[in-house]
Every structure is written in C-alpha cells, then in structure tokens.
Amino acid sequence: DKMMQKEVKTVSLEQTKGAFTQTALTLAEGTYIFEVSN
C-alpha cells in the first residue's frame, strides 16, 4: 500500500477566469491525481 501511494503523483492545476494557469503539461507515464484550484 505504501509503495502504491508513492507511485501516485499529484499535479496541481489552477483556474482563473476563462483559463488554466498551466497552459501545457509534460508528464512521465504513470498514475496521477489532479488537484484543481478555483
């Protein structure tokens, strides 16, 4: 369980009016949780 938790990475995304502040992303193949801020 601990190993699997380490393998999941978090990507933070922020939204402002009409846009994401991150306009492009490059990630390695894998498992991700996206954290979206308003």
PDB file of all heavy atoms in Angstrom:
ATOM      1  N   ASP A   1       0.835  -1.206   0.000  1.00  0.00           N
ATOM      2  CA  ASP A   1       0.000   0.000   0.000  1.00  0.00           C
ATOM      3  C   ASP A   1       0.867   1.253   0.000  1.00  0.00           C
ATOM      4  O   ASP A   1       0.608   2.198  -0.739  1.00  0.00           O
ATOM      5  CB  ASP A   1      -0.932   0.036   1.218  1.00  0.00           C
ATOM      6  CG  ASP A   1      -2.105  -0.915   1.088  1.00  0.00           C
ATOM      7  OD1 ASP A   1      -2.341  -1.424  -0.032  1.00  0.00           O
ATOM      8  OD2 ASP A   1      -2.783  -1.149   2.103  1.00  0.00           O
ATOM      9  N   LYS A   2       1.915   1.278   0.821  1.00  0.00           N
ATOM     10  CA  LYS A   2       2.799   2.441   0.873  1.00  0.00           C
ATOM     11  C   LYS A   2       3.518   2.640  -0.452  1.00  0.00           C
ATOM     12  O   LYS A   2       3.694   3.759  -0.908  1.00  0.00           O
ATOM     13  CB  LYS A   2       3.815   2.287   2.014  1.00  0.00           C
ATOM     14  CG  LYS A   2       3.208   2.522   3.375  1.00  0.00           C
ATOM     15  CD  LYS A   2       4.239   2.422   4.465  1.00  0.00           C
ATOM     16  CE  LYS A   2       3.582   2.636   5.817  1.00  0.00           C
ATOM     17  NZ  LYS A   2       4.521   2.504   6.904  1.00  0.00           N
ATOM     18  N   MET A   3       3.936   1.534  -1.089  1.00  0.00           N
ATOM     19  CA  MET A   3       4.609   1.633  -2.375  1.00  0.00           C
ATOM     20  C   MET A   3       3.674   2.214  -3.430  1.00  0.00           C
ATOM     21  O   MET A   3       4.059   3.065  -4.209  1.00  0.00           O
ATOM     22  CB  MET A   3       5.083   0.249  -2.831  1.00  0.00           C
ATOM     23  CG  MET A   3       6.558   0.190  -3.095  1.00  0.00           C
ATOM     24  SD  MET A   3       7.189  -1.468  -3.410  1.00  0.00           S
ATOM     25  CE  MET A   3       6.042  -2.192  -4.513  1.00  0.00           C
ATOM     26  N   MET A   4       2.423   1.775  -3.425  1.00  0.00           N
ATOM     27  CA  MET A   4       1.466   2.275  -4.412  1.00  0.00           C
ATOM     28  C   MET A   4       1.193   3.755  -4.192  1.00  0.00           C
ATOM     29  O   MET A   4       1.048   4.508  -5.139  1.00  0.00           O
ATOM     30  CB  MET A   4       0.167   1.477  -4.364  1.00  0.00           C
ATOM     31  CG  MET A   4       0.315   0.094  -4.985  1.00  0.00           C
ATOM     32  SD  MET A   4      -1.235  -0.772  -5.105  1.00  0.00           S
ATOM     33  CE  MET A   4      -2.107   0.222  -6.280  1.00  0.00           C
ATOM     34  N   GLN A   5       1.131   4.197  -2.930  1.00  0.00           N
ATOM     35  CA  GLN A   5       0.905   5.608  -2.643  1.00  0.00           C
ATOM     36  C   GLN A   5       2.052   6.457  -3.183  1.00  0.00           C
ATOM     37  O   GLN A   5       1.838   7.557  -3.660  1.00  0.00           O
ATOM     38  CB  GLN A   5       0.733   5.838  -1.143  1.00  0.00           C
ATOM     39  CG  GLN A   5      -0.594   5.333  -0.621  1.00  0.00           C
ATOM     40  CD  GLN A   5      -0.684   5.433   0.895  1.00  0.00           C
ATOM     41  OE1 GLN A   5       0.277   5.769   1.577  1.00  0.00           O
ATOM     42  NE2 GLN A   5      -1.850   5.125   1.425  1.00  0.00           N
ATOM     43  N   LYS A   6       3.277   5.954  -3.104  1.00  0.00           N
ATOM     44  CA  LYS A   6       4.430   6.697  -3.604  1.00  0.00           C
ATOM     45  C   LYS A   6       4.400   6.793  -5.124  1.00  0.00           C
ATOM     46  O   LYS A   6       4.907   7.738  -5.692  1.00  0.00           O
ATOM     47  CB  LYS A   6       5.733   6.026  -3.151  1.00  0.00           C
ATOM     48  CG  LYS A   6       6.042   6.226  -1.689  1.00  0.00           C
ATOM     49  CD  LYS A   6       7.349   5.581  -1.328  1.00  0.00           C
ATOM     50  CE  LYS A   6       7.637   5.733   0.149  1.00  0.00           C
ATOM     51  NZ  LYS A   6       8.875   5.081   0.541  1.00  0.00           N
ATOM     52  N   GLU A   7       3.828   5.794  -5.784  1.00  0.00           N
ATOM     53  CA  GLU A   7       3.793   5.769  -7.233  1.00  0.00           C
ATOM     54  C   GLU A   7       2.766   6.750  -7.801  1.00  0.00           C
ATOM     55  O   GLU A   7       2.848   7.120  -8.947  1.00  0.00           O
ATOM     56  CB  GLU A   7       3.497   4.356  -7.731  1.00  0.00           C
ATOM     57  CG  GLU A   7       4.636   3.387  -7.475  1.00  0.00           C
ATOM     58  CD  GLU A   7       4.305   1.965  -7.879  1.00  0.00           C
ATOM     59  OE1 GLU A   7       3.284   1.741  -8.558  1.00  0.00           O
ATOM     60  OE2 GLU A   7       5.072   1.070  -7.512  1.00  0.00           O
ATOM     61  N   VAL A   8       1.787   7.156  -7.001  1.00  0.00           N
ATOM     62  CA  VAL A   8       0.775   8.105  -7.457  1.00  0.00           C
ATOM     63  C   VAL A   8       1.279   9.514  -7.177  1.00  0.00           C
ATOM     64  O   VAL A   8       1.591   9.863  -6.045  1.00  0.00           O
ATOM     65  CB  VAL A   8      -0.582   7.868  -6.744  1.00  0.00           C
ATOM     66  CG1 VAL A   8      -1.603   8.909  -7.166  1.00  0.00           C
ATOM     67  CG2 VAL A   8      -1.094   6.470  -7.020  1.00  0.00           C
ATOM     68  N   LYS A   9       1.383  10.304  -8.239  1.00  0.00           N
ATOM     69  CA  LYS A   9       1.881  11.674  -8.102  1.00  0.00           C
ATOM     70  C   LYS A   9       0.712  12.645  -8.219  1.00  0.00           C
ATOM     71  O   LYS A   9      -0.287  12.347  -8.860  1.00  0.00           O
ATOM     72  CB  LYS A   9       2.926  11.957  -9.189  1.00  0.00           C
ATOM     73  CG  LYS A   9       4.149  11.063  -9.081  1.00  0.00           C
ATOM     74  CD  LYS A   9       5.093  11.271 -10.241  1.00  0.00           C
ATOM     75  CE  LYS A   9       6.201  10.270 -10.212  1.00  0.00           C
ATOM     76  NZ  LYS A   9       5.928   9.059 -10.945  1.00  0.00           N
ATOM     77  N   THR A  10       0.870  13.814  -7.617  1.00  0.00           N
ATOM     78  CA  THR A  10      -0.165  14.839  -7.671  1.00  0.00           C
ATOM     79  C   THR A  10       0.262  15.965  -8.601  1.00  0.00           C
ATOM     80  O   THR A  10       1.403  16.417  -8.554  1.00  0.00           O
ATOM     81  CB  THR A  10      -0.437  15.408  -6.259  1.00  0.00           C
ATOM     82  OG1 THR A  10      -0.871  14.337  -5.418  1.00  0.00           O
ATOM     83  CG2 THR A  10      -1.506  16.479  -6.290  1.00  0.00           C
ATOM     84  N   VAL A  11      -0.660  16.388  -9.453  1.00  0.00           N
ATOM     85  CA  VAL A  11      -0.446  17.517 -10.360  1.00  0.00           C
ATOM     86  C   VAL A  11      -1.424  18.606  -9.953  1.00  0.00           C
ATOM     87  O   VAL A  11      -2.630  18.377  -9.914  1.00  0.00           O
ATOM     88  CB  VAL A  11      -0.689  17.118 -11.834  1.00  0.00           C
ATOM     89  CG1 VAL A  11      -0.585  18.329 -12.741  1.00  0.00           C
ATOM     90  CG2 VAL A  11       0.271  16.024 -12.257  1.00  0.00           C
ATOM     91  N   SER A  12      -0.905  19.776  -9.614  1.00  0.00           N
ATOM     92  CA  SER A  12      -1.754  20.899  -9.214  1.00  0.00           C
ATOM     93  C   SER A  12      -2.090  21.758 -10.425  1.00  0.00           C
ATOM     94  O   SER A  12      -1.199  22.131 -11.194  1.00  0.00           O
ATOM     95  CB  SER A  12      -1.049  21.745  -8.158  1.00  0.00           C
ATOM     96  OG  SER A  12      -0.854  20.982  -6.991  1.00  0.00           O
ATOM     97  N   LEU A  13      -3.370  22.047 -10.576  1.00  0.00           N
ATOM     98  CA  LEU A  13      -3.851  22.909 -11.651  1.00  0.00           C
ATOM     99  C   LEU A  13      -4.672  24.035 -11.037  1.00  0.00           C
ATOM    100  O   LEU A  13      -5.472  23.795 -10.131  1.00  0.00           O
ATOM    101  CB  LEU A  13      -4.738  22.123 -12.628  1.00  0.00           C
ATOM    102  CG  LEU A  13      -4.074  20.980 -13.384  1.00  0.00           C
ATOM    103  CD1 LEU A  13      -5.119  20.156 -14.129  1.00  0.00           C
ATOM    104  CD2 LEU A  13      -3.055  21.530 -14.360  1.00  0.00           C
ATOM    105  N   GLU A  14      -4.469  25.240 -11.525  1.00  0.00           N
ATOM    106  CA  GLU A  14      -5.198  26.400 -11.016  1.00  0.00           C
ATOM    107  C   GLU A  14      -5.999  27.014 -12.153  1.00  0.00           C
ATOM    108  O   GLU A  14      -5.496  27.177 -13.264  1.00  0.00           O
ATOM    109  CB  GLU A  14      -4.220  27.438 -10.473  1.00  0.00           C
ATOM    110  CG  GLU A  14      -4.913  28.698  -9.989  1.00  0.00           C
ATOM    111  CD  GLU A  14      -3.934  29.826  -9.676  1.00  0.00           C
ATOM    112  OE1 GLU A  14      -2.868  29.887 -10.331  1.00  0.00           O
ATOM    113  OE2 GLU A  14      -4.241  30.626  -8.798  1.00  0.00           O
ATOM    114  N   GLN A  15      -7.254  27.347 -11.840  1.00  0.00           N
ATOM    115  CA  GLN A  15      -8.078  28.036 -12.829  1.00  0.00           C
ATOM    116  C   GLN A  15      -8.345  29.465 -12.385  1.00  0.00           C
ATOM    117  O   GLN A  15      -8.635  29.723 -11.219  1.00  0.00           O
ATOM    118  CB  GLN A  15      -9.423  27.326 -13.007  1.00  0.00           C
ATOM    119  CG  GLN A  15      -9.315  26.036 -13.752  1.00  0.00           C
ATOM    120  CD  GLN A  15     -10.677  25.489 -14.112  1.00  0.00           C
ATOM    121  OE1 GLN A  15     -11.497  26.203 -14.668  1.00  0.00           O
ATOM    122  NE2 GLN A  15     -10.905  24.227 -13.798  1.00  0.00           N
ATOM    123  N   THR A  16      -8.221  30.381 -13.347  1.00  0.00           N
ATOM    124  CA  THR A  16      -8.633  31.767 -13.181  1.00  0.00           C
ATOM    125  C   THR A  16      -9.746  31.982 -14.211  1.00  0.00           C
ATOM    126  O   THR A  16     -10.083  31.059 -14.964  1.00  0.00           O
ATOM    127  CB  THR A  16      -7.454  32.724 -13.424  1.00  0.00           C
ATOM    128  OG1 THR A  16      -6.948  32.498 -14.741  1.00  0.00           O
ATOM    129  CG2 THR A  16      -6.345  32.522 -12.396  1.00  0.00           C
ATOM    130  N   LYS A  17     -10.292  33.174 -14.284  1.00  0.00           N
ATOM    131  CA  LYS A  17     -11.417  33.413 -15.189  1.00  0.00           C
ATOM    132  C   LYS A  17     -11.042  33.059 -16.634  1.00  0.00           C
ATOM    133  O   LYS A  17     -10.162  33.678 -17.222  1.00  0.00           O
ATOM    134  CB  LYS A  17     -11.870  34.866 -15.096  1.00  0.00           C
ATOM    135  CG  LYS A  17     -13.165  35.130 -15.822  1.00  0.00           C
ATOM    136  CD  LYS A  17     -13.786  36.437 -15.365  1.00  0.00           C
ATOM    137  CE  LYS A  17     -15.104  36.686 -16.026  1.00  0.00           C
ATOM    138  NZ  LYS A  17     -16.155  35.743 -15.684  1.00  0.00           N
ATOM    139  N   GLY A  18     -11.691  32.015 -17.173  1.00  0.00           N
ATOM    140  CA  GLY A  18     -11.509  31.617 -18.563  1.00  0.00           C
ATOM    141  C   GLY A  18     -10.218  30.917 -18.911  1.00  0.00           C
ATOM    142  O   GLY A  18      -9.941  30.703 -20.095  1.00  0.00           O
ATOM    143  N   ALA A  19      -9.422  30.517 -17.912  1.00  0.00           N
ATOM    144  CA  ALA A  19      -8.133  29.915 -18.243  1.00  0.00           C
ATOM    145  C   ALA A  19      -7.577  29.059 -17.107  1.00  0.00           C
ATOM    146  O   ALA A  19      -7.900  29.266 -15.939  1.00  0.00           O
ATOM    147  CB  ALA A  19      -7.127  31.010 -18.568  1.00  0.00           C
ATOM    148  N   PHE A  20      -6.738  28.117 -17.484  1.00  0.00           N
ATOM    149  CA  PHE A  20      -5.869  27.428 -16.533  1.00  0.00           C
ATOM    150  C   PHE A  20      -4.563  28.208 -16.515  1.00  0.00           C
ATOM    151  O   PHE A  20      -4.119  28.713 -17.556  1.00  0.00           O
ATOM    152  CB  PHE A  20      -5.567  25.990 -16.985  1.00  0.00           C
ATOM    153  CG  PHE A  20      -6.624  24.987 -16.634  1.00  0.00           C
ATOM    154  CD1 PHE A  20      -7.645  24.705 -17.521  1.00  0.00           C
ATOM    155  CD2 PHE A  20      -6.596  24.321 -15.423  1.00  0.00           C
ATOM    156  CE1 PHE A  20      -8.615  23.769 -17.219  1.00  0.00           C
ATOM    157  CE2 PHE A  20      -7.565  23.378 -15.108  1.00  0.00           C
ATOM    158  CZ  PHE A  20      -8.578  23.109 -16.005  1.00  0.00           C
ATOM    159  N   THR A  21      -3.902  28.311 -15.384  1.00  0.00           N
ATOM    160  CA  THR A  21      -2.614  28.999 -15.348  1.00  0.00           C
ATOM    161  C   THR A  21      -1.520  28.108 -15.928  1.00  0.00           C
ATOM    162  O   THR A  21      -0.499  28.607 -16.371  1.00  0.00           O
ATOM    163  CB  THR A  21      -2.244  29.465 -13.923  1.00  0.00           C
ATOM    164  OG1 THR A  21      -2.260  28.339 -13.053  1.00  0.00           O
ATOM    165  CG2 THR A  21      -3.207  30.528 -13.426  1.00  0.00           C
ATOM    166  N   GLN A  22      -1.726  26.792 -15.922  1.00  0.00           N
ATOM    167  CA  GLN A  22      -0.785  25.856 -16.534  1.00  0.00           C
ATOM    168  C   GLN A  22      -1.304  25.600 -17.955  1.00  0.00           C
ATOM    169  O   GLN A  22      -2.301  24.901 -18.132  1.00  0.00           O
ATOM    170  CB  GLN A  22      -0.725  24.530 -15.766  1.00  0.00           C
ATOM    171  CG  GLN A  22      -0.259  24.674 -14.333  1.00  0.00           C
ATOM    172  CD  GLN A  22      -1.337  25.190 -13.383  1.00  0.00           C
ATOM    173  OE1 GLN A  22      -2.500  25.317 -13.718  1.00  0.00           O
ATOM    174  NE2 GLN A  22      -0.935  25.511 -12.174  1.00  0.00           N
ATOM    175  N   THR A  23      -0.622  26.149 -18.949  1.00  0.00           N
ATOM    176  CA  THR A  23      -1.131  26.085 -20.322  1.00  0.00           C
ATOM    177  C   THR A  23      -0.633  24.877 -21.096  1.00  0.00           C
ATOM    178  O   THR A  23      -1.075  24.649 -22.216  1.00  0.00           O
ATOM    179  CB  THR A  23      -0.772  27.366 -21.085  1.00  0.00           C
ATOM    180  OG1 THR A  23       0.643  27.515 -21.083  1.00  0.00           O
ATOM    181  CG2 THR A  23      -1.421  28.586 -20.444  1.00  0.00           C
ATOM    182  N   ALA A  24       0.257  24.096 -20.526  1.00  0.00           N
ATOM    183  CA  ALA A  24       0.730  22.852 -21.129  1.00  0.00           C
ATOM    184  C   ALA A  24       1.422  22.049 -20.040  1.00  0.00           C
ATOM    185  O   ALA A  24       2.024  22.624 -19.135  1.00  0.00           O
ATOM    186  CB  ALA A  24       1.689  23.122 -22.273  1.00  0.00           C
ATOM    187  N   LEU A  25       1.308  20.747 -20.123  1.00  0.00           N
ATOM    188  CA  LEU A  25       1.947  19.869 -19.149  1.00  0.00           C
ATOM    189  C   LEU A  25       2.682  18.760 -19.874  1.00  0.00           C
ATOM    190  O   LEU A  25       2.199  18.247 -20.889  1.00  0.00           O
ATOM    191  CB  LEU A  25       0.911  19.213 -18.229  1.00  0.00           C
ATOM    192  CG  LEU A  25       0.121  20.097 -17.284  1.00  0.00           C
ATOM    193  CD1 LEU A  25      -1.003  19.293 -16.637  1.00  0.00           C
ATOM    194  CD2 LEU A  25       1.045  20.640 -16.202  1.00  0.00           C
ATOM    195  N   THR A  26       3.827  18.365 -19.337  1.00  0.00           N
ATOM    196  CA  THR A  26       4.535  17.186 -19.809  1.00  0.00           C
ATOM    197  C   THR A  26       4.806  16.323 -18.588  1.00  0.00           C
ATOM    198  O   THR A  26       5.406  16.782 -17.614  1.00  0.00           O
ATOM    199  CB  THR A  26       5.860  17.566 -20.502  1.00  0.00           C
ATOM    200  OG1 THR A  26       5.560  18.422 -21.613  1.00  0.00           O
ATOM    201  CG2 THR A  26       6.582  16.319 -21.015  1.00  0.00           C
ATOM    202  N   LEU A  27       4.325  15.089 -18.644  1.00  0.00           N
ATOM    203  CA  LEU A  27       4.446  14.171 -17.513  1.00  0.00           C
ATOM    204  C   LEU A  27       5.058  12.862 -17.981  1.00  0.00           C
ATOM    205  O   LEU A  27       4.981  12.517 -19.159  1.00  0.00           O
ATOM    206  CB  LEU A  27       3.059  13.881 -16.914  1.00  0.00           C
ATOM    207  CG  LEU A  27       2.227  15.072 -16.449  1.00  0.00           C
ATOM    208  CD1 LEU A  27       0.823  14.616 -16.066  1.00  0.00           C
ATOM    209  CD2 LEU A  27       2.906  15.755 -15.271  1.00  0.00           C
ATOM    210  N   ALA A  28       5.620  12.132 -17.045  1.00  0.00           N
ATOM    211  CA  ALA A  28       6.090  10.780 -17.332  1.00  0.00           C
ATOM    212  C   ALA A  28       4.895   9.843 -17.276  1.00  0.00           C
ATOM    213  O   ALA A  28       3.896  10.128 -16.595  1.00  0.00           O
ATOM    214  CB  ALA A  28       7.133  10.361 -16.304  1.00  0.00           C
ATOM    215  N   GLU A  29       4.978   8.745 -17.975  1.00  0.00           N
ATOM    216  CA  GLU A  29       3.919   7.743 -17.922  1.00  0.00           C
ATOM    217  C   GLU A  29       3.747   7.310 -16.472  1.00  0.00           C
ATOM    218  O   GLU A  29       4.724   7.131 -15.746  1.00  0.00           O
ATOM    219  CB  GLU A  29       4.336   6.550 -18.799  1.00  0.00           C
ATOM    220  CG  GLU A  29       3.259   5.537 -19.014  1.00  0.00           C
ATOM    221  CD  GLU A  29       3.667   4.493 -20.054  1.00  0.00           C
ATOM    222  OE1 GLU A  29       4.880   4.236 -20.210  1.00  0.00           O
ATOM    223  OE2 GLU A  29       2.777   3.961 -20.706  1.00  0.00           O
ATOM    224  N   GLY A  30       2.512   7.218 -16.016  1.00  0.00           N
ATOM    225  CA  GLY A  30       2.272   6.818 -14.635  1.00  0.00           C
ATOM    226  C   GLY A  30       0.878   7.156 -14.170  1.00  0.00           C
ATOM    227  O   GLY A  30      -0.018   7.435 -14.967  1.00  0.00           O
ATOM    228  N   THR A  31       0.704   7.154 -12.866  1.00  0.00           N
ATOM    229  CA  THR A  31      -0.599   7.385 -12.247  1.00  0.00           C
ATOM    230  C   THR A  31      -0.574   8.717 -11.516  1.00  0.00           C
ATOM    231  O   THR A  31       0.350   8.994 -10.748  1.00  0.00           O
ATOM    232  CB  THR A  31      -0.956   6.238 -11.288  1.00  0.00           C
ATOM    233  OG1 THR A  31      -0.910   5.008 -12.025  1.00  0.00           O
ATOM    234  CG2 THR A  31      -2.338   6.415 -10.694  1.00  0.00           C
ATOM    235  N   TYR A  32      -1.614   9.517 -11.758  1.00  0.00           N
ATOM    236  CA  TYR A  32      -1.672  10.877 -11.230  1.00  0.00           C
ATOM    237  C   TYR A  32      -3.029  11.180 -10.601  1.00  0.00           C
ATOM    238  O   TYR A  32      -4.055  10.671 -11.039  1.00  0.00           O
ATOM    239  CB  TYR A  32      -1.426  11.898 -12.352  1.00  0.00           C
ATOM    240  CG  TYR A  32      -0.038  11.803 -12.916  1.00  0.00           C
ATOM    241  CD1 TYR A  32       0.249  10.930 -13.960  1.00  0.00           C
ATOM    242  CD2 TYR A  32       1.004  12.561 -12.388  1.00  0.00           C
ATOM    243  CE1 TYR A  32       1.536  10.816 -14.462  1.00  0.00           C
ATOM    244  CE2 TYR A  32       2.285  12.456 -12.886  1.00  0.00           C
ATOM    245  CZ  TYR A  32       2.553  11.581 -13.924  1.00  0.00           C
ATOM    246  OH  TYR A  32       3.822  11.478 -14.404  1.00  0.00           O
ATOM    247  N   ILE A  33      -2.986  12.045  -9.605  1.00  0.00           N
ATOM    248  CA  ILE A  33      -4.177  12.682  -9.056  1.00  0.00           C
ATOM    249  C   ILE A  33      -4.044  14.154  -9.421  1.00  0.00           C
ATOM    250  O   ILE A  33      -2.989  14.756  -9.205  1.00  0.00           O
ATOM    251  CB  ILE A  33      -4.274  12.502  -7.527  1.00  0.00           C
ATOM    252  CG1 ILE A  33      -4.569  11.042  -7.203  1.00  0.00           C
ATOM    253  CG2 ILE A  33      -5.329  13.429  -6.933  1.00  0.00           C
ATOM    254  CD1 ILE A  33      -4.564  10.721  -5.720  1.00  0.00           C
ATOM    255  N   PHE A  34      -5.095  14.709 -10.000  1.00  0.00           N
ATOM    256  CA  PHE A  34      -5.090  16.129 -10.357  1.00  0.00           C
ATOM    257  C   PHE A  34      -5.800  16.887  -9.252  1.00  0.00           C
ATOM    258  O   PHE A  34      -6.890  16.518  -8.820  1.00  0.00           O
ATOM    259  CB  PHE A  34      -5.784  16.345 -11.705  1.00  0.00           C
ATOM    260  CG  PHE A  34      -5.044  15.704 -12.841  1.00  0.00           C
ATOM    261  CD1 PHE A  34      -5.336  14.416 -13.240  1.00  0.00           C
ATOM    262  CD2 PHE A  34      -4.016  16.381 -13.485  1.00  0.00           C
ATOM    263  CE1 PHE A  34      -4.636  13.806 -14.271  1.00  0.00           C
ATOM    264  CE2 PHE A  34      -3.313  15.786 -14.520  1.00  0.00           C
ATOM    265  CZ  PHE A  34      -3.625  14.489 -14.907  1.00  0.00           C
ATOM    266  N   GLU A  35      -5.142  17.944  -8.783  1.00  0.00           N
ATOM    267  CA  GLU A  35      -5.673  18.805  -7.729  1.00  0.00           C
ATOM    268  C   GLU A  35      -6.022  20.132  -8.405  1.00  0.00           C
ATOM    269  O   GLU A  35      -5.132  20.815  -8.909  1.00  0.00           O
ATOM    270  CB  GLU A  35      -4.595  18.976  -6.665  1.00  0.00           C
ATOM    271  CG  GLU A  35      -5.021  19.716  -5.446  1.00  0.00           C
ATOM    272  CD  GLU A  35      -3.891  19.769  -4.439  1.00  0.00           C
ATOM    273  OE1 GLU A  35      -2.918  20.510  -4.686  1.00  0.00           O
ATOM    274  OE2 GLU A  35      -3.982  19.049  -3.437  1.00  0.00           O
ATOM    275  N   VAL A  36      -7.308  20.458  -8.444  1.00  0.00           N
ATOM    276  CA  VAL A  36      -7.781  21.629  -9.177  1.00  0.00           C
ATOM    277  C   VAL A  36      -8.207  22.716  -8.194  1.00  0.00           C
ATOM    278  O   VAL A  36      -9.051  22.479  -7.324  1.00  0.00           O
ATOM    279  CB  VAL A  36      -8.958  21.257 -10.108  1.00  0.00           C
ATOM    280  CG1 VAL A  36      -9.451  22.473 -10.876  1.00  0.00           C
ATOM    281  CG2 VAL A  36      -8.534  20.151 -11.071  1.00  0.00           C
ATOM    282  N   SER A  37      -7.631  23.918  -8.359  1.00  0.00           N
ATOM    283  CA  SER A  37      -7.957  25.068  -7.520  1.00  0.00           C
ATOM    284  C   SER A  37      -8.773  26.079  -8.320  1.00  0.00           C
ATOM    285  O   SER A  37      -8.478  26.342  -9.481  1.00  0.00           O
ATOM    286  CB  SER A  37      -6.686  25.761  -7.021  1.00  0.00           C
ATOM    287  OG  SER A  37      -5.938  24.879  -6.232  1.00  0.00           O
ATOM    288  N   ASN A  38      -9.781  26.641  -7.672  1.00  0.00           N
ATOM    289  CA  ASN A  38     -10.631  27.657  -8.285  1.00  0.00           C
ATOM    290  C   ASN A  38     -10.246  29.013  -7.700  1.00  0.00           C
ATOM    291  O   ASN A  38     -10.652  29.366  -6.602  1.00  0.00           O
ATOM    292  CB  ASN A  38     -12.105  27.340  -8.000  1.00  0.00           C
ATOM    293  CG  ASN A  38     -13.062  28.338  -8.613  1.00  0.00           C
ATOM    294  OD1 ASN A  38     -12.680  29.423  -9.029  1.00  0.00           O
ATOM    295  ND2 ASN A  38     -14.332  27.975  -8.640  1.00  0.00           N
TER     296      ASN A  38
END
